[in-house]
Amino acid sequence: MKAVPGQSTRPTTDKVKEAIFSMIGPYFEGGQALDLFAGTGGLGIEALSRGMDRAVFVDTDRKSVETIRGNLRATALESQAEVYRNDAFRALKALAKRGMKFDLVFLDPPYKLRLIEPALQQLEEYALLHEQAVAVAEHDASFNCGETLGMFVCEKRAEYGDTAVTIYRFGGTTSSYSKR
């Protein structure tokens, strides 16, 4: 997996990526994924390689979009992906107009911008999620996303050095994940 040239992105480490997939399930039986603030596309590509049917990748940075396309070519997953260079919130609106619905969403915005809560709010407002969809938020460990955000319920939060991962389930019901 190639990284984005320069200092504009902070790729998810392999340790954190493995932890994410051990928390949400190692394999999927189809479904649609959204990698918002995609960077290299590593999380969405990993989800495709583990059984998701399709993934949409969104990032505003031209170099990131080029890197995502290159990584999709290198993994032979291009036919299962759509890649957009767009602002995350404009992209959500456009995806809603197309009637898209997702089962798995990755949110890894620049930590200092605190965009996780507004992104979850837009996903809910635009009806972009299937019932019981999972949202994976990667953020600064010093930031607490909250136990519930709208129809999202926190199922797990784990810290890995300066990085934390919070897993949310959409739909207001809990599953077998244990709360921290």
N, C-alpha and C. Protein backbone atom coordinates (compact mmCIF):
# COMPACT_ATOMS: atom_id res chain seq x y z
N MET A 1 0.86 -1.17 0.00
CA MET A 1 0.00 0.00 0.00
C MET A 1 0.90 1.23 0.00
N LYS A 2 0.74 2.05 -1.00
CA LYS A 2 1.55 3.27 -1.09
C LYS A 2 0.95 4.37 -0.21
N ALA A 3 1.85 5.20 0.33
CA ALA A 3 1.44 6.34 1.14
C ALA A 3 1.26 7.57 0.24
N VAL A 4 0.56 8.55 0.76
CA VAL A 4 0.38 9.81 0.05
C VAL A 4 1.67 10.61 0.21
N PRO A 5 2.24 11.13 -0.90
CA PRO A 5 3.45 11.93 -0.78
C PRO A 5 3.20 13.18 0.08
N GLY A 6 4.21 13.59 0.84
CA GLY A 6 4.10 14.80 1.64
C GLY A 6 3.60 14.54 3.05
N GLN A 7 3.24 15.60 3.73
CA GLN A 7 2.84 15.54 5.14
C GLN A 7 1.34 15.76 5.34
N SER A 8 0.56 15.76 4.28
CA SER A 8 -0.85 16.14 4.40
C SER A 8 -1.75 15.05 4.96
N THR A 9 -1.29 13.82 4.99
CA THR A 9 -2.12 12.74 5.54
C THR A 9 -1.38 12.01 6.65
N ARG A 10 -2.14 11.31 7.46
CA ARG A 10 -1.62 10.51 8.56
C ARG A 10 -2.19 9.11 8.37
N PRO A 11 -1.44 8.24 7.66
CA PRO A 11 -1.99 6.91 7.39
C PRO A 11 -2.26 6.12 8.66
N THR A 12 -3.29 5.31 8.64
CA THR A 12 -3.59 4.42 9.75
C THR A 12 -2.49 3.38 9.84
N THR A 13 -1.92 3.21 11.02
CA THR A 13 -0.83 2.23 11.17
C THR A 13 -1.38 0.83 11.00
N ASP A 14 -0.50 -0.10 10.65
CA ASP A 14 -0.91 -1.50 10.51
C ASP A 14 -1.48 -2.04 11.81
N LYS A 15 -0.89 -1.64 12.93
CA LYS A 15 -1.37 -2.09 14.25
C LYS A 15 -2.81 -1.65 14.48
N VAL A 16 -3.10 -0.38 14.19
CA VAL A 16 -4.45 0.14 14.38
C VAL A 16 -5.42 -0.50 13.39
N LYS A 17 -4.98 -0.68 12.14
CA LYS A 17 -5.83 -1.32 11.13
C LYS A 17 -6.22 -2.74 11.56
N GLU A 18 -5.24 -3.51 12.03
CA GLU A 18 -5.54 -4.87 12.51
C GLU A 18 -6.50 -4.83 13.70
N ALA A 19 -6.29 -3.88 14.60
CA ALA A 19 -7.17 -3.76 15.76
C ALA A 19 -8.59 -3.42 15.33
N ILE A 20 -8.73 -2.53 14.36
CA ILE A 20 -10.06 -2.16 13.86
C ILE A 20 -10.79 -3.39 13.34
N PHE A 21 -10.11 -4.18 12.51
CA PHE A 21 -10.78 -5.33 11.91
C PHE A 21 -10.99 -6.47 12.90
N SER A 22 -10.20 -6.53 13.96
CA SER A 22 -10.49 -7.52 14.98
C SER A 22 -11.71 -7.09 15.80
N MET A 23 -11.96 -5.77 15.89
CA MET A 23 -13.13 -5.28 16.63
C MET A 23 -14.42 -5.40 15.83
N ILE A 24 -14.36 -5.14 14.53
CA ILE A 24 -15.60 -5.12 13.73
C ILE A 24 -15.86 -6.44 13.01
N GLY A 25 -14.91 -7.33 13.05
CA GLY A 25 -15.08 -8.62 12.39
C GLY A 25 -14.03 -8.78 11.32
N PRO A 26 -13.40 -9.95 11.28
CA PRO A 26 -12.31 -10.14 10.32
C PRO A 26 -12.78 -10.27 8.87
N TYR A 27 -14.00 -10.74 8.66
CA TYR A 27 -14.49 -10.94 7.29
C TYR A 27 -15.93 -10.47 7.17
N PHE A 28 -16.31 -10.09 5.94
CA PHE A 28 -17.65 -9.59 5.68
C PHE A 28 -18.31 -10.44 4.62
N GLU A 29 -19.61 -10.50 4.69
CA GLU A 29 -20.40 -11.22 3.68
C GLU A 29 -21.11 -10.19 2.83
N GLY A 30 -20.33 -9.44 2.07
CA GLY A 30 -20.89 -8.42 1.19
C GLY A 30 -21.17 -7.13 1.92
N GLY A 31 -21.82 -6.22 1.20
CA GLY A 31 -22.18 -4.94 1.77
C GLY A 31 -21.43 -3.81 1.10
N GLN A 32 -21.82 -2.59 1.47
CA GLN A 32 -21.26 -1.37 0.91
C GLN A 32 -20.48 -0.62 1.98
N ALA A 33 -19.28 -0.19 1.63
CA ALA A 33 -18.44 0.55 2.57
C ALA A 33 -18.21 1.97 2.06
N LEU A 34 -18.02 2.88 2.99
CA LEU A 34 -17.68 4.26 2.67
C LEU A 34 -16.42 4.61 3.45
N ASP A 35 -15.37 5.03 2.75
CA ASP A 35 -14.14 5.48 3.37
C ASP A 35 -14.08 6.99 3.17
N LEU A 36 -14.57 7.72 4.16
CA LEU A 36 -14.63 9.18 4.11
C LEU A 36 -13.32 9.72 4.69
N PHE A 37 -12.79 10.78 4.13
CA PHE A 37 -11.46 11.28 4.52
C PHE A 37 -10.45 10.15 4.28
N ALA A 38 -10.49 9.56 3.10
CA ALA A 38 -9.87 8.27 2.82
C ALA A 38 -8.34 8.24 2.86
N GLY A 39 -7.66 9.35 2.60
CA GLY A 39 -6.19 9.33 2.65
C GLY A 39 -5.61 8.40 1.60
N THR A 40 -5.07 7.26 2.02
CA THR A 40 -4.50 6.27 1.09
C THR A 40 -5.56 5.28 0.62
N GLY A 41 -6.72 5.27 1.31
CA GLY A 41 -7.75 4.28 1.01
C GLY A 41 -7.53 2.96 1.71
N GLY A 42 -6.57 2.91 2.61
CA GLY A 42 -6.18 1.66 3.26
C GLY A 42 -7.31 0.93 3.97
N LEU A 43 -8.15 1.66 4.68
CA LEU A 43 -9.23 1.00 5.43
C LEU A 43 -10.29 0.45 4.48
N GLY A 44 -10.71 1.24 3.50
CA GLY A 44 -11.70 0.76 2.54
C GLY A 44 -11.18 -0.40 1.71
N ILE A 45 -9.93 -0.34 1.31
CA ILE A 45 -9.32 -1.43 0.53
C ILE A 45 -9.25 -2.69 1.37
N GLU A 46 -8.88 -2.54 2.63
CA GLU A 46 -8.85 -3.70 3.53
C GLU A 46 -10.24 -4.32 3.66
N ALA A 47 -11.27 -3.47 3.78
CA ALA A 47 -12.65 -3.98 3.88
C ALA A 47 -13.04 -4.74 2.61
N LEU A 48 -12.67 -4.22 1.45
CA LEU A 48 -12.95 -4.93 0.19
C LEU A 48 -12.24 -6.27 0.16
N SER A 49 -10.99 -6.29 0.59
CA SER A 49 -10.22 -7.54 0.56
C SER A 49 -10.78 -8.57 1.55
N ARG A 50 -11.57 -8.10 2.52
CA ARG A 50 -12.15 -9.00 3.51
C ARG A 50 -13.62 -9.31 3.22
N GLY A 51 -14.11 -8.95 2.04
CA GLY A 51 -15.43 -9.41 1.63
C GLY A 51 -16.50 -8.38 1.37
N MET A 52 -16.25 -7.09 1.59
CA MET A 52 -17.25 -6.09 1.23
C MET A 52 -17.41 -6.11 -0.29
N ASP A 53 -18.63 -5.87 -0.77
CA ASP A 53 -18.89 -5.90 -2.22
C ASP A 53 -18.32 -4.68 -2.93
N ARG A 54 -18.57 -3.49 -2.36
CA ARG A 54 -18.18 -2.24 -3.01
C ARG A 54 -17.74 -1.25 -1.95
N ALA A 55 -16.95 -0.28 -2.38
CA ALA A 55 -16.54 0.79 -1.48
C ALA A 55 -16.47 2.11 -2.24
N VAL A 56 -16.85 3.17 -1.55
CA VAL A 56 -16.73 4.52 -2.07
C VAL A 56 -15.65 5.21 -1.23
N PHE A 57 -14.71 5.85 -1.93
CA PHE A 57 -13.61 6.54 -1.29
C PHE A 57 -13.75 8.03 -1.58
N VAL A 58 -13.61 8.86 -0.52
CA VAL A 58 -13.73 10.31 -0.68
C VAL A 58 -12.57 10.98 0.03
N ASP A 59 -11.91 11.89 -0.68
CA ASP A 59 -10.88 12.73 -0.07
C ASP A 59 -10.79 14.02 -0.87
N THR A 60 -10.41 15.10 -0.22
CA THR A 60 -10.31 16.39 -0.91
C THR A 60 -8.96 16.58 -1.59
N ASP A 61 -7.96 15.87 -1.15
CA ASP A 61 -6.60 16.07 -1.62
C ASP A 61 -6.34 15.32 -2.93
N ARG A 62 -5.86 16.01 -3.93
CA ARG A 62 -5.59 15.41 -5.24
C ARG A 62 -4.58 14.27 -5.13
N LYS A 63 -3.51 14.47 -4.34
CA LYS A 63 -2.49 13.42 -4.18
C LYS A 63 -3.09 12.18 -3.50
N SER A 64 -3.99 12.40 -2.55
CA SER A 64 -4.65 11.27 -1.89
C SER A 64 -5.48 10.48 -2.89
N VAL A 65 -6.25 11.17 -3.72
CA VAL A 65 -7.10 10.50 -4.71
C VAL A 65 -6.24 9.71 -5.69
N GLU A 66 -5.13 10.29 -6.13
CA GLU A 66 -4.22 9.56 -7.03
C GLU A 66 -3.66 8.32 -6.33
N THR A 67 -3.30 8.46 -5.05
CA THR A 67 -2.76 7.33 -4.29
C THR A 67 -3.81 6.24 -4.12
N ILE A 68 -5.04 6.62 -3.81
CA ILE A 68 -6.13 5.63 -3.66
C ILE A 68 -6.30 4.87 -4.97
N ARG A 69 -6.36 5.58 -6.08
CA ARG A 69 -6.52 4.92 -7.38
C ARG A 69 -5.36 3.95 -7.64
N GLY A 70 -4.15 4.38 -7.34
CA GLY A 70 -2.98 3.51 -7.52
C GLY A 70 -3.04 2.28 -6.63
N ASN A 71 -3.46 2.46 -5.38
CA ASN A 71 -3.57 1.34 -4.45
C ASN A 71 -4.67 0.37 -4.88
N LEU A 72 -5.77 0.90 -5.42
CA LEU A 72 -6.84 0.03 -5.93
C LEU A 72 -6.34 -0.77 -7.13
N ARG A 73 -5.56 -0.13 -8.02
CA ARG A 73 -4.99 -0.85 -9.18
C ARG A 73 -4.06 -1.96 -8.68
N ALA A 74 -3.20 -1.62 -7.71
CA ALA A 74 -2.21 -2.57 -7.20
C ALA A 74 -2.87 -3.78 -6.53
N THR A 75 -4.05 -3.60 -5.99
CA THR A 75 -4.76 -4.70 -5.31
C THR A 75 -5.83 -5.33 -6.19
N ALA A 76 -5.94 -4.86 -7.44
CA ALA A 76 -6.92 -5.37 -8.41
C ALA A 76 -8.35 -5.24 -7.89
N LEU A 77 -8.64 -4.14 -7.19
CA LEU A 77 -9.98 -3.92 -6.64
C LEU A 77 -10.69 -2.73 -7.27
N GLU A 78 -10.15 -2.20 -8.36
CA GLU A 78 -10.72 -1.02 -9.03
C GLU A 78 -12.19 -1.20 -9.39
N SER A 79 -12.56 -2.39 -9.87
CA SER A 79 -13.94 -2.60 -10.34
C SER A 79 -14.96 -2.57 -9.20
N GLN A 80 -14.49 -2.64 -7.96
CA GLN A 80 -15.39 -2.64 -6.81
C GLN A 80 -15.42 -1.28 -6.10
N ALA A 81 -14.82 -0.27 -6.74
CA ALA A 81 -14.65 0.99 -6.04
C ALA A 81 -15.06 2.19 -6.87
N GLU A 82 -15.47 3.24 -6.16
CA GLU A 82 -15.68 4.56 -6.73
C GLU A 82 -14.82 5.50 -5.91
N VAL A 83 -14.09 6.39 -6.58
CA VAL A 83 -13.19 7.31 -5.90
C VAL A 83 -13.57 8.73 -6.29
N TYR A 84 -13.76 9.59 -5.29
CA TYR A 84 -14.17 10.97 -5.53
C TYR A 84 -13.24 11.94 -4.83
N ARG A 85 -12.85 12.96 -5.57
CA ARG A 85 -12.14 14.08 -4.95
C ARG A 85 -13.19 15.13 -4.65
N ASN A 86 -13.52 15.25 -3.37
CA ASN A 86 -14.61 16.13 -2.97
C ASN A 86 -14.51 16.40 -1.47
N ASP A 87 -15.11 17.47 -1.04
CA ASP A 87 -15.30 17.74 0.37
C ASP A 87 -16.21 16.64 0.93
N ALA A 88 -15.90 16.14 2.10
CA ALA A 88 -16.66 15.03 2.69
C ALA A 88 -18.15 15.34 2.78
N PHE A 89 -18.50 16.53 3.20
CA PHE A 89 -19.91 16.85 3.43
C PHE A 89 -20.66 17.06 2.12
N ARG A 90 -20.00 17.62 1.11
CA ARG A 90 -20.63 17.70 -0.22
C ARG A 90 -20.79 16.30 -0.81
N ALA A 91 -19.81 15.45 -0.57
CA ALA A 91 -19.88 14.08 -1.07
C ALA A 91 -21.05 13.33 -0.43
N LEU A 92 -21.26 13.51 0.87
CA LEU A 92 -22.37 12.85 1.54
C LEU A 92 -23.70 13.27 0.93
N LYS A 93 -23.83 14.55 0.65
CA LYS A 93 -25.06 15.06 0.03
C LYS A 93 -25.26 14.43 -1.36
N ALA A 94 -24.19 14.35 -2.14
CA ALA A 94 -24.27 13.76 -3.48
C ALA A 94 -24.60 12.27 -3.41
N LEU A 95 -24.02 11.57 -2.46
CA LEU A 95 -24.30 10.14 -2.30
C LEU A 95 -25.75 9.92 -1.90
N ALA A 96 -26.28 10.80 -1.07
CA ALA A 96 -27.69 10.71 -0.66
C ALA A 96 -28.61 10.91 -1.85
N LYS A 97 -28.28 11.85 -2.72
CA LYS A 97 -29.09 12.09 -3.91
C LYS A 97 -29.13 10.87 -4.81
N ARG A 98 -28.08 10.07 -4.77
CA ARG A 98 -28.03 8.83 -5.56
C ARG A 98 -28.72 7.67 -4.86
N GLY A 99 -29.19 7.88 -3.63
CA GLY A 99 -29.87 6.82 -2.88
C GLY A 99 -28.93 5.76 -2.33
N MET A 100 -27.67 6.12 -2.15
CA MET A 100 -26.69 5.16 -1.62
C MET A 100 -26.97 4.87 -0.15
N LYS A 101 -26.68 3.63 0.24
CA LYS A 101 -26.77 3.23 1.66
C LYS A 101 -25.57 2.36 1.97
N PHE A 102 -25.00 2.57 3.16
CA PHE A 102 -23.78 1.88 3.53
C PHE A 102 -23.98 1.01 4.76
N ASP A 103 -23.15 -0.05 4.82
CA ASP A 103 -23.14 -0.98 5.94
C ASP A 103 -21.96 -0.72 6.87
N LEU A 104 -20.92 -0.10 6.32
CA LEU A 104 -19.69 0.14 7.06
C LEU A 104 -19.12 1.48 6.61
N VAL A 105 -18.79 2.33 7.58
CA VAL A 105 -18.24 3.66 7.28
C VAL A 105 -16.97 3.85 8.10
N PHE A 106 -15.92 4.32 7.42
CA PHE A 106 -14.68 4.68 8.09
C PHE A 106 -14.56 6.20 8.11
N LEU A 107 -14.33 6.75 9.30
CA LEU A 107 -14.17 8.19 9.48
C LEU A 107 -12.80 8.44 10.10
N ASP A 108 -11.90 8.99 9.31
CA ASP A 108 -10.56 9.27 9.81
C ASP A 108 -10.16 10.67 9.36
N PRO A 109 -10.90 11.69 9.83
CA PRO A 109 -10.58 13.06 9.42
C PRO A 109 -9.33 13.58 10.12
N PRO A 110 -8.78 14.69 9.64
CA PRO A 110 -7.67 15.32 10.39
C PRO A 110 -8.12 15.53 11.84
N TYR A 111 -7.33 15.04 12.77
CA TYR A 111 -7.73 15.05 14.19
C TYR A 111 -8.15 16.41 14.69
N LYS A 112 -7.41 17.45 14.33
CA LYS A 112 -7.66 18.79 14.90
C LYS A 112 -9.00 19.38 14.46
N LEU A 113 -9.60 18.86 13.39
CA LEU A 113 -10.84 19.45 12.87
C LEU A 113 -12.10 18.97 13.59
N ARG A 114 -12.00 17.86 14.34
CA ARG A 114 -13.16 17.36 15.11
C ARG A 114 -14.40 17.19 14.22
N LEU A 115 -14.28 16.45 13.13
CA LEU A 115 -15.37 16.30 12.17
C LEU A 115 -16.19 15.01 12.33
N ILE A 116 -15.86 14.19 13.30
CA ILE A 116 -16.55 12.91 13.43
C ILE A 116 -18.03 13.11 13.75
N GLU A 117 -18.34 13.90 14.76
CA GLU A 117 -19.75 14.11 15.12
C GLU A 117 -20.55 14.73 13.97
N PRO A 118 -20.07 15.79 13.32
CA PRO A 118 -20.84 16.33 12.18
C PRO A 118 -21.00 15.31 11.04
N ALA A 119 -19.98 14.49 10.81
CA ALA A 119 -20.09 13.48 9.75
C ALA A 119 -21.14 12.43 10.11
N LEU A 120 -21.15 11.96 11.35
CA LEU A 120 -22.17 10.99 11.77
C LEU A 120 -23.56 11.61 11.66
N GLN A 121 -23.68 12.86 12.05
CA GLN A 121 -24.97 13.56 11.98
C GLN A 121 -25.46 13.61 10.53
N GLN A 122 -24.57 13.93 9.59
CA GLN A 122 -24.97 14.00 8.17
C GLN A 122 -25.32 12.60 7.62
N LEU A 123 -24.56 11.59 8.02
CA LEU A 123 -24.87 10.23 7.58
C LEU A 123 -26.29 9.84 8.01
N GLU A 124 -26.65 10.21 9.24
CA GLU A 124 -27.99 9.91 9.74
C GLU A 124 -29.04 10.78 9.05
N GLU A 125 -28.78 12.08 8.97
CA GLU A 125 -29.74 13.02 8.39
C GLU A 125 -30.05 12.69 6.93
N TYR A 126 -29.04 12.30 6.18
CA TYR A 126 -29.23 11.98 4.76
C TYR A 126 -29.67 10.53 4.52
N ALA A 127 -29.92 9.77 5.59
CA ALA A 127 -30.38 8.38 5.48
C ALA A 127 -29.43 7.55 4.62
N LEU A 128 -28.13 7.65 4.91
CA LEU A 128 -27.12 6.95 4.13
C LEU A 128 -26.73 5.59 4.69
N LEU A 129 -27.39 5.16 5.75
CA LEU A 129 -26.97 3.93 6.42
C LEU A 129 -28.07 2.89 6.49
N HIS A 130 -27.66 1.65 6.32
CA HIS A 130 -28.58 0.55 6.60
C HIS A 130 -28.70 0.41 8.11
N GLU A 131 -29.81 -0.14 8.55
CA GLU A 131 -29.99 -0.44 9.97
C GLU A 131 -28.85 -1.35 10.42
N GLN A 132 -28.29 -1.07 11.57
CA GLN A 132 -27.18 -1.82 12.17
C GLN A 132 -25.84 -1.59 11.47
N ALA A 133 -25.74 -0.55 10.66
CA ALA A 133 -24.46 -0.20 10.04
C ALA A 133 -23.44 0.11 11.13
N VAL A 134 -22.18 -0.09 10.80
CA VAL A 134 -21.08 0.18 11.73
C VAL A 134 -20.30 1.38 11.22
N ALA A 135 -20.00 2.31 12.13
CA ALA A 135 -19.15 3.45 11.82
C ALA A 135 -17.89 3.34 12.68
N VAL A 136 -16.75 3.40 12.03
CA VAL A 136 -15.46 3.31 12.71
C VAL A 136 -14.81 4.69 12.66
N ALA A 137 -14.62 5.29 13.83
CA ALA A 137 -14.03 6.62 13.91
C ALA A 137 -12.62 6.52 14.49
N GLU A 138 -11.66 7.04 13.76
CA GLU A 138 -10.29 7.10 14.25
C GLU A 138 -10.02 8.55 14.63
N HIS A 139 -9.49 8.76 15.84
CA HIS A 139 -9.32 10.13 16.34
C HIS A 139 -8.21 10.20 17.37
N ASP A 140 -7.89 11.41 17.77
CA ASP A 140 -6.90 11.64 18.80
C ASP A 140 -7.38 11.01 20.11
N ALA A 141 -6.48 10.32 20.79
CA ALA A 141 -6.85 9.61 22.02
C ALA A 141 -7.37 10.55 23.11
N SER A 142 -6.99 11.81 23.06
CA SER A 142 -7.46 12.76 24.09
C SER A 142 -8.90 13.22 23.85
N PHE A 143 -9.45 12.88 22.69
CA PHE A 143 -10.81 13.30 22.34
C PHE A 143 -11.80 12.17 22.63
N ASN A 144 -12.90 12.50 23.32
CA ASN A 144 -13.93 11.51 23.61
C ASN A 144 -15.13 11.81 22.71
N CYS A 145 -15.46 10.88 21.83
CA CYS A 145 -16.55 11.08 20.87
C CYS A 145 -17.94 11.03 21.51
N GLY A 146 -18.08 10.37 22.63
CA GLY A 146 -19.39 10.26 23.27
C GLY A 146 -19.99 8.87 23.12
N GLU A 147 -20.82 8.50 24.10
CA GLU A 147 -21.46 7.19 24.11
C GLU A 147 -22.57 7.05 23.06
N THR A 148 -23.34 8.11 22.90
CA THR A 148 -24.39 8.11 21.87
C THR A 148 -24.33 9.42 21.11
N LEU A 149 -24.54 9.32 19.82
CA LEU A 149 -24.62 10.49 18.95
C LEU A 149 -25.79 10.23 18.01
N GLY A 150 -26.91 10.88 18.27
CA GLY A 150 -28.10 10.61 17.47
C GLY A 150 -28.50 9.15 17.61
N MET A 151 -28.62 8.47 16.48
CA MET A 151 -28.98 7.04 16.48
C MET A 151 -27.75 6.13 16.55
N PHE A 152 -26.58 6.70 16.80
CA PHE A 152 -25.35 5.92 16.92
C PHE A 152 -25.07 5.62 18.38
N VAL A 153 -24.74 4.37 18.65
CA VAL A 153 -24.40 3.94 20.01
C VAL A 153 -22.97 3.42 19.99
N CYS A 154 -22.15 3.92 20.91
CA CYS A 154 -20.76 3.46 21.02
C CYS A 154 -20.75 2.01 21.50
N GLU A 155 -20.07 1.17 20.76
CA GLU A 155 -19.94 -0.23 21.16
C GLU A 155 -18.58 -0.54 21.75
N LYS A 156 -17.58 0.21 21.33
CA LYS A 156 -16.23 -0.05 21.82
C LYS A 156 -15.36 1.16 21.54
N ARG A 157 -14.43 1.40 22.46
CA ARG A 157 -13.40 2.43 22.26
C ARG A 157 -12.09 1.83 22.73
N ALA A 158 -11.06 1.98 21.93
CA ALA A 158 -9.74 1.47 22.29
C ALA A 158 -8.69 2.50 21.92
N GLU A 159 -7.63 2.54 22.71
CA GLU A 159 -6.54 3.49 22.47
C GLU A 159 -5.28 2.75 22.07
N TYR A 160 -4.54 3.37 21.14
CA TYR A 160 -3.27 2.85 20.65
C TYR A 160 -2.31 4.02 20.61
N GLY A 161 -1.65 4.30 21.72
CA GLY A 161 -0.78 5.46 21.81
C GLY A 161 -1.60 6.74 21.72
N ASP A 162 -1.27 7.61 20.77
CA ASP A 162 -1.97 8.88 20.58
C ASP A 162 -3.27 8.73 19.81
N THR A 163 -3.53 7.54 19.30
CA THR A 163 -4.70 7.29 18.46
C THR A 163 -5.75 6.49 19.21
N ALA A 164 -7.01 6.84 18.99
CA ALA A 164 -8.12 6.05 19.55
C ALA A 164 -9.04 5.67 18.41
N VAL A 165 -9.72 4.54 18.59
CA VAL A 165 -10.72 4.07 17.65
C VAL A 165 -12.02 3.89 18.42
N THR A 166 -13.08 4.50 17.92
CA THR A 166 -14.40 4.33 18.52
C THR A 166 -15.30 3.68 17.47
N ILE A 167 -15.97 2.60 17.88
CA ILE A 167 -16.87 1.86 16.99
C ILE A 167 -18.30 2.19 17.39
N TYR A 168 -19.07 2.65 16.41
CA TYR A 168 -20.48 2.96 16.63
C TYR A 168 -21.36 2.02 15.81
N ARG A 169 -22.52 1.68 16.38
CA ARG A 169 -23.54 0.91 15.66
C ARG A 169 -24.71 1.87 15.43
N PHE A 170 -25.25 1.87 14.21
CA PHE A 170 -26.37 2.74 13.87
C PHE A 170 -27.68 2.00 14.09
N GLY A 171 -28.61 2.65 14.74
CA GLY A 171 -29.92 2.05 14.93
C GLY A 171 -30.37 1.95 16.36
N GLY A 172 -29.51 2.34 17.27
CA GLY A 172 -29.92 2.45 18.65
C GLY A 172 -29.98 1.16 19.45
N THR A 173 -29.61 0.04 18.85
CA THR A 173 -29.59 -1.20 19.62
C THR A 173 -28.15 -1.66 19.79
N THR A 174 -27.90 -2.39 20.83
CA THR A 174 -26.55 -2.86 21.08
C THR A 174 -26.38 -4.27 20.54
N SER A 175 -25.14 -4.66 20.37
CA SER A 175 -24.86 -6.02 19.89
C SER A 175 -23.94 -6.68 20.90
N SER A 176 -23.20 -7.66 20.43
CA SER A 176 -22.34 -8.43 21.34
C SER A 176 -21.05 -7.72 21.71
N TYR A 177 -20.78 -6.55 21.13
CA TYR A 177 -19.57 -5.83 21.53
C TYR A 177 -19.68 -5.39 22.98
N SER A 178 -18.60 -5.45 23.69
CA SER A 178 -18.63 -4.99 25.07
C SER A 178 -18.24 -3.52 25.10
N LYS A 179 -18.87 -2.77 25.97
CA LYS A 179 -18.53 -1.36 26.14
C LYS A 179 -17.33 -1.25 27.05
N ARG A 180 -16.57 -0.22 26.79
CA ARG A 180 -15.38 0.00 27.58
C ARG A 180 -15.73 0.72 28.85
